Amino acid sequence: MSAEPPAAAERLVFLDALRGFALVMMVWNHTARWWQDRSMGWPWYYSIYVTMAVAAPTFLFVVGFSLPLSLGNTSRDLFATLRRYAVRGGRIILAGLLLNVLVFPEDPVWSNGVLQTIGFGVIVAAPLGILLQRPPARYLVLGLSAAVYLSFGWSYDALSAWVAEHPASSRVLFFEFPPWPWVALMLFGLALGSWWVDADDQSARDRYMRRMAVVGLLCIAWLFAYDWWAETPNRFMFKRDFVLNNHWTPRGATTVWVIGMTFTLMALFYYLAEIRRARVTWLTTFGRTALLLYFVHHLIVLTLVNQRWYLKFNNWWLFGAADVALLAVLLAVSRSWIEIKRVLRQRFPGTAALRRA
């Protein structure tokens, strides 16, 4: 799930690999939710919490981080660029609504989901990305990102009361990863991606990622030190975070950990893919087709295995084997789709939709 990646020849391997890793974490999270139950105990609970805290924030951050890269490849026509990204964001929103129809027919079609938030974020962030040629504007976007998140925390009690009183409307505005506050993470990535664009040689990019790794590791270490000092009673549990409309948003110290994990993973995949030149082909394949796989894995994990076949894998060995088999199926789907697009592009080279798919 990406906003508008550069052309295939210009794709950054580490970003695709990072998207692919986030997709694997998301698949694990969903299979744990729908293929297991509470009889699996605390390891099951923690696997759901940690994979969710890694997968969704990574996707949203990378969407924002990637926008300045693709904006640099667009025309200088401001209105044409804005229209292009408005259409792109609108398509992602429509894709989220289609997913509701296909996978969650029992819920209102207008219920928010992570795709709707990504689409809305693209529409909002693209105009800001055009303005981020100068560092002062980037600091303003960082401040806006912090304001969006902090205002959500300050309004949490009032929002909880509003959600209870407006169950229908709240599904549009405050359901799965709602735009307020999750767009803040995309704006955060947008500003940092703008600085990355300025790093126009290998040594500058290496320094950028080394700094990101240091900050990320310090954030992770800080959480454990803070929990030890504060004697936090609910560590790595939903109870320590915001839960609005039965959906999770990190609070306080967890937010620092989420940022730390995102930074650390980005630096790690940069090291593996861009410096060590490690073969992470299967992850990059997942990353290049993340939107398609987001649809397909829902249909397999929930609609087919859970709701049609009523299967449970309440044994860790069976669960692991089932997940590996699922990832193999998804990899085959991903490779097939990439090959189909390649053939179609050769036959219809002027089709813009195929270039963006």
Protein backbone atom coordinates (compact mmCIF):
# COMPACT_ATOMS: atom_id res chain seq x y z
CA MET A 1 0.00 0.00 0.00
CA SER A 2 1.90 3.01 -1.22
CA ALA A 3 0.91 6.44 -2.34
CA GLU A 4 2.55 6.75 -5.75
CA PRO A 5 5.92 5.00 -6.06
CA PRO A 6 8.54 6.02 -8.56
CA ALA A 7 8.76 4.17 -11.81
CA ALA A 8 9.90 0.57 -11.55
CA ALA A 9 13.46 1.39 -12.61
CA GLU A 10 13.73 4.05 -9.93
CA ARG A 11 12.17 2.14 -7.04
CA LEU A 12 14.15 2.06 -3.83
CA VAL A 13 14.55 -1.59 -2.89
CA PHE A 14 14.71 -0.98 0.84
CA LEU A 15 11.32 0.80 0.88
CA ASP A 16 9.69 -2.05 -1.03
CA ALA A 17 11.32 -4.57 1.32
CA LEU A 18 10.12 -2.62 4.34
CA ARG A 19 6.56 -2.57 2.94
CA GLY A 20 6.85 -6.30 2.39
CA PHE A 21 7.97 -6.87 5.97
CA ALA A 22 5.06 -4.76 7.23
CA LEU A 23 2.71 -6.85 5.09
CA VAL A 24 4.06 -10.05 6.68
CA MET A 25 3.46 -8.55 10.14
CA MET A 26 -0.08 -7.59 9.13
CA VAL A 27 -0.78 -11.11 7.83
CA TRP A 28 0.51 -12.56 11.10
CA ASN A 29 -1.69 -10.18 13.05
CA HIS A 30 -4.81 -11.13 11.10
CA THR A 31 -4.18 -14.86 11.17
CA ALA A 32 -3.63 -14.67 14.93
CA ARG A 33 -6.95 -12.84 15.29
CA TRP A 34 -9.00 -15.07 12.99
CA TRP A 35 -7.23 -18.44 13.08
CA GLN A 36 -6.62 -18.64 16.84
CA ASP A 37 -8.47 -17.84 20.05
CA ARG A 38 -7.84 -16.97 23.70
CA SER A 39 -6.89 -20.56 24.54
CA MET A 40 -3.43 -19.73 23.13
CA GLY A 41 -2.79 -17.52 26.18
CA TRP A 42 -0.51 -14.53 26.61
CA PRO A 43 1.84 -15.33 23.70
CA TRP A 44 -1.18 -15.03 21.40
CA TYR A 45 -2.17 -11.69 22.97
CA TYR A 46 1.32 -10.23 22.72
CA SER A 47 1.75 -11.42 19.13
CA ILE A 48 -1.39 -9.50 18.16
CA TYR A 49 -0.32 -6.37 20.02
CA VAL A 50 3.26 -6.24 18.73
CA THR A 51 2.50 -7.10 15.09
CA MET A 52 -0.22 -4.47 14.97
CA ALA A 53 2.09 -1.88 16.53
CA VAL A 54 4.66 -2.62 13.81
CA ALA A 55 2.57 -3.22 10.69
CA ALA A 56 0.12 -0.33 10.48
CA PRO A 57 2.48 2.46 11.65
CA THR A 58 5.15 1.25 9.21
CA PHE A 59 2.73 1.35 6.27
CA LEU A 60 1.47 4.82 7.13
CA PHE A 61 4.92 6.26 7.79
CA VAL A 62 6.31 4.84 4.53
CA VAL A 63 3.42 6.33 2.54
CA GLY A 64 4.33 9.79 3.84
CA PHE A 65 8.08 9.19 3.47
CA SER A 66 7.67 8.08 -0.15
CA LEU A 67 5.56 11.02 -1.28
CA PRO A 68 8.47 13.50 -1.72
CA LEU A 69 10.23 10.88 -3.87
CA SER A 70 7.32 10.56 -6.27
CA LEU A 71 6.48 14.27 -6.17
CA GLY A 72 9.96 14.96 -7.49
CA ASN A 73 9.10 12.92 -10.60
CA THR A 74 5.91 14.83 -11.41
CA SER A 75 5.42 17.74 -13.76
CA ARG A 76 5.80 21.34 -12.66
CA ASP A 77 2.12 21.97 -13.29
CA LEU A 78 0.83 22.50 -9.76
CA PHE A 79 -2.83 21.89 -10.49
CA ALA A 80 -2.09 18.81 -12.60
CA THR A 81 -0.03 17.37 -9.73
CA LEU A 82 -2.72 18.10 -7.15
CA ARG A 83 -5.35 16.57 -9.39
CA ARG A 84 -3.21 13.49 -9.92
CA TYR A 85 -2.79 12.84 -6.21
CA ALA A 86 -6.40 13.67 -5.44
CA VAL A 87 -7.42 11.01 -7.96
CA ARG A 88 -4.85 8.60 -6.49
CA GLY A 89 -6.11 9.17 -2.95
CA GLY A 90 -9.72 8.88 -4.08
CA ARG A 91 -8.99 5.52 -5.71
CA ILE A 92 -7.45 4.19 -2.50
CA ILE A 93 -10.52 5.35 -0.57
CA LEU A 94 -12.79 3.58 -3.07
CA ALA A 95 -10.62 0.47 -2.72
CA GLY A 96 -11.22 0.57 1.03
CA LEU A 97 -14.97 0.82 0.51
CA LEU A 98 -14.84 -2.10 -1.94
CA LEU A 99 -13.01 -4.14 0.69
CA ASN A 100 -15.86 -3.44 3.11
CA VAL A 101 -18.35 -4.76 0.55
CA LEU A 102 -16.35 -7.91 -0.20
CA VAL A 103 -15.03 -8.87 3.23
CA PHE A 104 -17.21 -7.13 5.81
CA PRO A 105 -20.73 -7.21 4.30
CA GLU A 106 -22.29 -7.27 7.76
CA ASP A 107 -20.82 -3.82 8.52
CA PRO A 108 -21.86 -0.49 6.98
CA VAL A 109 -20.04 0.07 3.72
CA TRP A 110 -18.95 3.54 4.85
CA SER A 111 -16.96 2.22 7.84
CA ASN A 112 -13.45 3.65 7.92
CA GLY A 113 -10.42 1.46 7.36
CA VAL A 114 -6.70 1.87 6.94
CA LEU A 115 -7.07 2.25 3.15
CA GLN A 116 -9.48 5.15 3.58
CA THR A 117 -7.03 6.80 5.96
CA ILE A 118 -4.15 6.31 3.51
CA GLY A 119 -6.22 7.74 0.67
CA PHE A 120 -7.25 10.76 2.72
CA GLY A 121 -3.66 11.21 3.85
CA VAL A 122 -2.40 11.23 0.25
CA ILE A 123 -4.93 13.93 -0.68
CA VAL A 124 -3.89 16.05 2.30
CA ALA A 125 -0.14 15.40 2.24
CA ALA A 126 0.54 15.86 -1.48
CA PRO A 127 -0.12 19.65 -1.49
CA LEU A 128 2.04 19.99 1.60
CA GLY A 129 4.78 17.94 -0.03
CA ILE A 130 4.95 20.37 -2.93
CA LEU A 131 5.65 23.19 -0.47
CA LEU A 132 8.45 21.40 1.39
CA GLN A 133 11.35 22.70 -0.69
CA ARG A 134 12.63 24.74 2.23
CA PRO A 135 13.49 23.44 5.74
CA PRO A 136 11.25 25.98 7.57
CA ALA A 137 8.20 24.49 5.84
CA ARG A 138 9.31 21.03 6.92
CA TYR A 139 9.48 22.11 10.54
CA LEU A 140 5.99 23.51 10.22
CA VAL A 141 4.76 20.14 8.94
CA LEU A 142 6.50 18.42 11.85
CA GLY A 143 4.69 20.82 14.18
CA LEU A 144 1.39 20.13 12.43
CA SER A 145 1.99 16.40 12.81
CA ALA A 146 2.57 16.78 16.55
CA ALA A 147 -0.49 19.02 16.90
CA VAL A 148 -2.74 16.49 15.17
CA TYR A 149 -1.60 13.70 17.48
CA LEU A 150 -1.57 15.72 20.70
CA SER A 151 -4.99 17.22 20.02
CA PHE A 152 -6.38 13.69 19.74
CA GLY A 153 -4.95 12.82 23.16
CA TRP A 154 -6.32 15.99 24.72
CA SER A 155 -9.75 15.28 23.20
CA TYR A 156 -9.80 11.56 23.99
CA ASP A 157 -12.35 11.66 26.81
CA ALA A 158 -14.70 13.89 24.82
CA LEU A 159 -14.27 11.70 21.75
CA SER A 160 -15.06 8.57 23.74
CA ALA A 161 -18.33 10.13 24.88
CA TRP A 162 -19.14 11.29 21.35
CA VAL A 163 -18.48 7.82 19.89
CA ALA A 164 -20.83 6.26 22.44
CA GLU A 165 -23.58 8.71 21.50
CA HIS A 166 -23.05 8.46 17.70
CA PRO A 167 -22.41 4.80 16.84
CA ALA A 168 -23.13 5.22 13.11
CA SER A 169 -21.20 8.44 12.47
CA SER A 170 -18.28 7.24 14.55
CA ARG A 171 -17.70 4.35 12.16
CA VAL A 172 -16.90 6.88 9.44
CA LEU A 173 -14.67 9.16 11.50
CA PHE A 174 -13.23 6.98 14.27
CA PHE A 175 -13.00 3.34 13.33
CA GLU A 176 -9.96 1.38 12.12
CA PHE A 177 -6.89 3.69 12.13
CA PRO A 178 -8.96 6.88 11.75
CA PRO A 179 -7.49 9.92 9.95
CA TRP A 180 -7.44 11.76 13.28
CA PRO A 181 -4.80 11.08 14.57
CA TRP A 182 -3.16 8.61 12.15
CA VAL A 183 -2.59 11.15 9.38
CA ALA A 184 -0.09 12.69 11.81
CA LEU A 185 2.23 9.75 11.19
CA MET A 186 2.01 10.27 7.44
CA LEU A 187 2.84 13.96 7.83
CA PHE A 188 5.77 13.02 10.06
CA GLY A 189 7.04 10.69 7.33
CA LEU A 190 6.42 13.39 4.71
CA ALA A 191 8.75 15.84 6.44
CA LEU A 192 11.49 13.26 6.98
CA GLY A 193 11.13 12.06 3.39
CA SER A 194 11.73 15.62 2.20
CA TRP A 195 15.09 15.67 3.98
CA TRP A 196 15.87 12.27 2.47
CA VAL A 197 15.32 13.71 -1.01
CA ASP A 198 18.01 16.29 -0.24
CA ALA A 199 20.49 13.47 0.47
CA ASP A 200 21.43 13.12 -3.19
CA ASP A 201 24.52 10.89 -2.86
CA GLN A 202 25.30 7.55 -1.23
CA SER A 203 27.36 8.91 1.67
CA ALA A 204 24.67 11.44 2.62
CA ARG A 205 22.00 8.74 2.56
CA ASP A 206 24.18 6.45 4.65
CA ARG A 207 24.61 9.18 7.27
CA TYR A 208 20.88 9.86 7.25
CA MET A 209 20.10 6.21 7.95
CA ARG A 210 22.77 5.88 10.62
CA ARG A 211 21.20 8.80 12.46
CA MET A 212 17.76 7.27 12.02
CA ALA A 213 19.03 3.98 13.46
CA VAL A 214 20.57 5.70 16.49
CA VAL A 215 17.38 7.67 17.20
CA GLY A 216 15.27 4.55 16.73
CA LEU A 217 17.33 2.43 19.11
CA LEU A 218 17.34 5.22 21.70
CA CYS A 219 13.53 5.44 21.49
CA ILE A 220 13.18 1.69 22.01
CA ALA A 221 15.62 1.71 24.92
CA TRP A 222 13.87 4.71 26.44
CA LEU A 223 10.55 2.84 26.61
CA PHE A 224 12.05 -0.02 28.60
CA ALA A 225 13.88 2.40 30.89
CA TYR A 226 10.72 4.44 31.38
CA ASP A 227 8.60 1.37 32.18
CA TRP A 228 11.20 0.23 34.70
CA TRP A 229 11.36 3.67 36.33
CA ALA A 230 7.60 4.29 36.33
CA GLU A 231 6.76 0.68 37.26
CA THR A 232 4.19 0.66 34.46
CA PRO A 233 1.49 -1.91 35.34
CA ASN A 234 0.25 -2.70 31.79
CA ARG A 235 3.31 -3.09 29.60
CA PHE A 236 2.75 -3.99 25.95
CA MET A 237 -0.99 -4.17 26.48
CA PHE A 238 -3.95 -2.38 24.99
CA LYS A 239 -4.80 -1.02 28.44
CA ARG A 240 -1.85 1.39 28.33
CA ASP A 241 -2.97 2.97 25.04
CA PHE A 242 -5.95 4.78 23.54
CA VAL A 243 -8.81 2.48 22.59
CA LEU A 244 -11.54 4.41 20.78
CA ASN A 245 -14.47 2.60 19.20
CA ASN A 246 -12.69 -0.67 20.03
CA HIS A 247 -9.67 0.30 17.93
CA TRP A 248 -6.12 1.01 19.02
CA THR A 249 -3.97 4.13 18.91
CA PRO A 250 -0.63 4.33 20.77
CA ARG A 251 -0.45 6.61 23.79
CA GLY A 252 2.52 8.40 25.32
CA ALA A 253 5.43 6.05 25.83
CA THR A 254 4.11 3.55 23.32
CA THR A 255 4.22 6.25 20.64
CA VAL A 256 7.94 6.69 21.29
CA TRP A 257 8.40 2.93 20.91
CA VAL A 258 6.40 2.87 17.67
CA ILE A 259 8.55 5.65 16.19
CA GLY A 260 11.68 3.85 17.41
CA MET A 261 10.64 0.57 15.78
CA THR A 262 9.75 2.32 12.51
CA PHE A 263 13.10 4.16 12.40
CA THR A 264 15.07 1.04 13.31
CA LEU A 265 13.34 -1.13 10.72
CA MET A 266 13.82 1.48 8.00
CA ALA A 267 17.53 1.77 8.78
CA LEU A 268 17.87 -2.02 8.99
CA PHE A 269 16.30 -2.61 5.59
CA TYR A 270 18.36 0.19 4.09
CA TYR A 271 21.49 -1.54 5.38
CA LEU A 272 20.42 -4.96 4.11
CA ALA A 273 19.11 -3.89 0.70
CA GLU A 274 21.21 -0.84 -0.26
CA ILE A 275 24.55 -1.47 1.48
CA ARG A 276 24.87 -5.24 1.89
CA ARG A 277 22.85 -5.85 -1.30
CA ALA A 278 21.16 -8.78 0.41
CA ARG A 279 18.65 -10.74 -1.63
CA VAL A 280 15.31 -9.72 -0.19
CA THR A 281 13.44 -10.39 -3.41
CA TRP A 282 10.40 -12.02 -1.83
CA LEU A 283 9.91 -9.08 0.52
CA THR A 284 10.29 -6.53 -2.27
CA THR A 285 7.78 -8.52 -4.30
CA PHE A 286 5.32 -8.28 -1.41
CA GLY A 287 6.04 -4.56 -1.10
CA ARG A 288 5.43 -3.86 -4.79
CA THR A 289 2.01 -5.53 -4.70
CA ALA A 290 0.94 -4.66 -1.16
CA LEU A 291 -2.45 -3.21 -2.12
CA LEU A 292 -3.44 -6.33 -4.08
CA LEU A 293 -2.23 -8.61 -1.29
CA TYR A 294 -4.15 -6.57 1.26
CA PHE A 295 -7.33 -7.60 -0.55
CA VAL A 296 -6.34 -11.19 -1.27
CA HIS A 297 -5.18 -12.08 2.22
CA HIS A 298 -8.44 -10.81 3.74
CA LEU A 299 -10.43 -13.02 1.39
CA ILE A 300 -8.31 -16.06 2.30
CA VAL A 301 -7.78 -15.50 6.02
CA LEU A 302 -11.23 -14.28 7.01
CA THR A 303 -13.76 -15.06 4.30
CA LEU A 304 -12.48 -18.49 3.26
CA VAL A 305 -10.62 -20.11 6.16
CA ASN A 306 -12.44 -18.51 9.10
CA GLN A 307 -15.99 -17.94 7.87
CA ARG A 308 -16.37 -20.64 5.20
CA TRP A 309 -14.22 -23.49 6.52
CA TYR A 310 -14.39 -22.62 10.26
CA LEU A 311 -10.78 -23.66 10.80
CA LYS A 312 -8.71 -22.92 13.90
CA PHE A 313 -4.99 -23.48 14.38
CA ASN A 314 -4.67 -23.51 18.18
CA ASN A 315 -1.28 -25.18 18.01
CA TRP A 316 1.78 -23.06 17.41
CA TRP A 317 3.39 -25.55 15.00
CA LEU A 318 0.22 -25.86 12.93
CA PHE A 319 -0.29 -22.12 13.04
CA GLY A 320 3.26 -21.47 11.86
CA ALA A 321 2.92 -23.99 9.03
CA ALA A 322 -0.41 -22.48 7.97
CA ASP A 323 1.09 -18.97 7.94
CA VAL A 324 4.07 -20.12 5.85
CA ALA A 325 1.71 -21.81 3.39
CA LEU A 326 -0.37 -18.61 3.20
CA LEU A 327 2.71 -16.48 2.52
CA ALA A 328 3.73 -18.90 -0.25
CA VAL A 329 0.29 -18.49 -1.85
CA LEU A 330 0.50 -14.72 -1.55
CA LEU A 331 3.97 -14.72 -3.09
CA ALA A 332 2.68 -16.72 -6.06
CA VAL A 333 -0.21 -14.27 -6.46
CA SER A 334 2.18 -11.34 -6.24
CA ARG A 335 4.60 -12.69 -8.83
CA SER A 336 1.75 -13.59 -11.17
CA TRP A 337 0.33 -10.07 -10.91
CA ILE A 338 3.71 -8.47 -11.62
CA GLU A 339 4.11 -10.68 -14.69
CA ILE A 340 0.57 -9.89 -15.89
CA LYS A 341 1.27 -6.17 -15.58
CA ARG A 342 4.55 -6.55 -17.45
CA VAL A 343 2.83 -8.25 -20.37
CA LEU A 344 0.00 -5.73 -20.42
CA ARG A 345 2.42 -2.81 -20.38
CA GLN A 346 4.22 -4.25 -23.37
CA ARG A 347 0.96 -4.59 -25.29
CA PHE A 348 -0.58 -1.33 -24.08
CA PRO A 349 2.40 0.96 -23.30
CA GLY A 350 0.28 4.12 -23.07
CA THR A 351 -2.07 2.88 -20.36
CA ALA A 352 -1.45 5.09 -17.30
CA ALA A 353 -3.52 2.88 -14.99
CA LEU A 354 -1.15 -0.03 -15.56
CA ARG A 355 1.85 2.14 -14.69
CA ARG A 356 0.25 3.02 -11.36
CA ALA A 357 -1.15 -0.41 -10.46
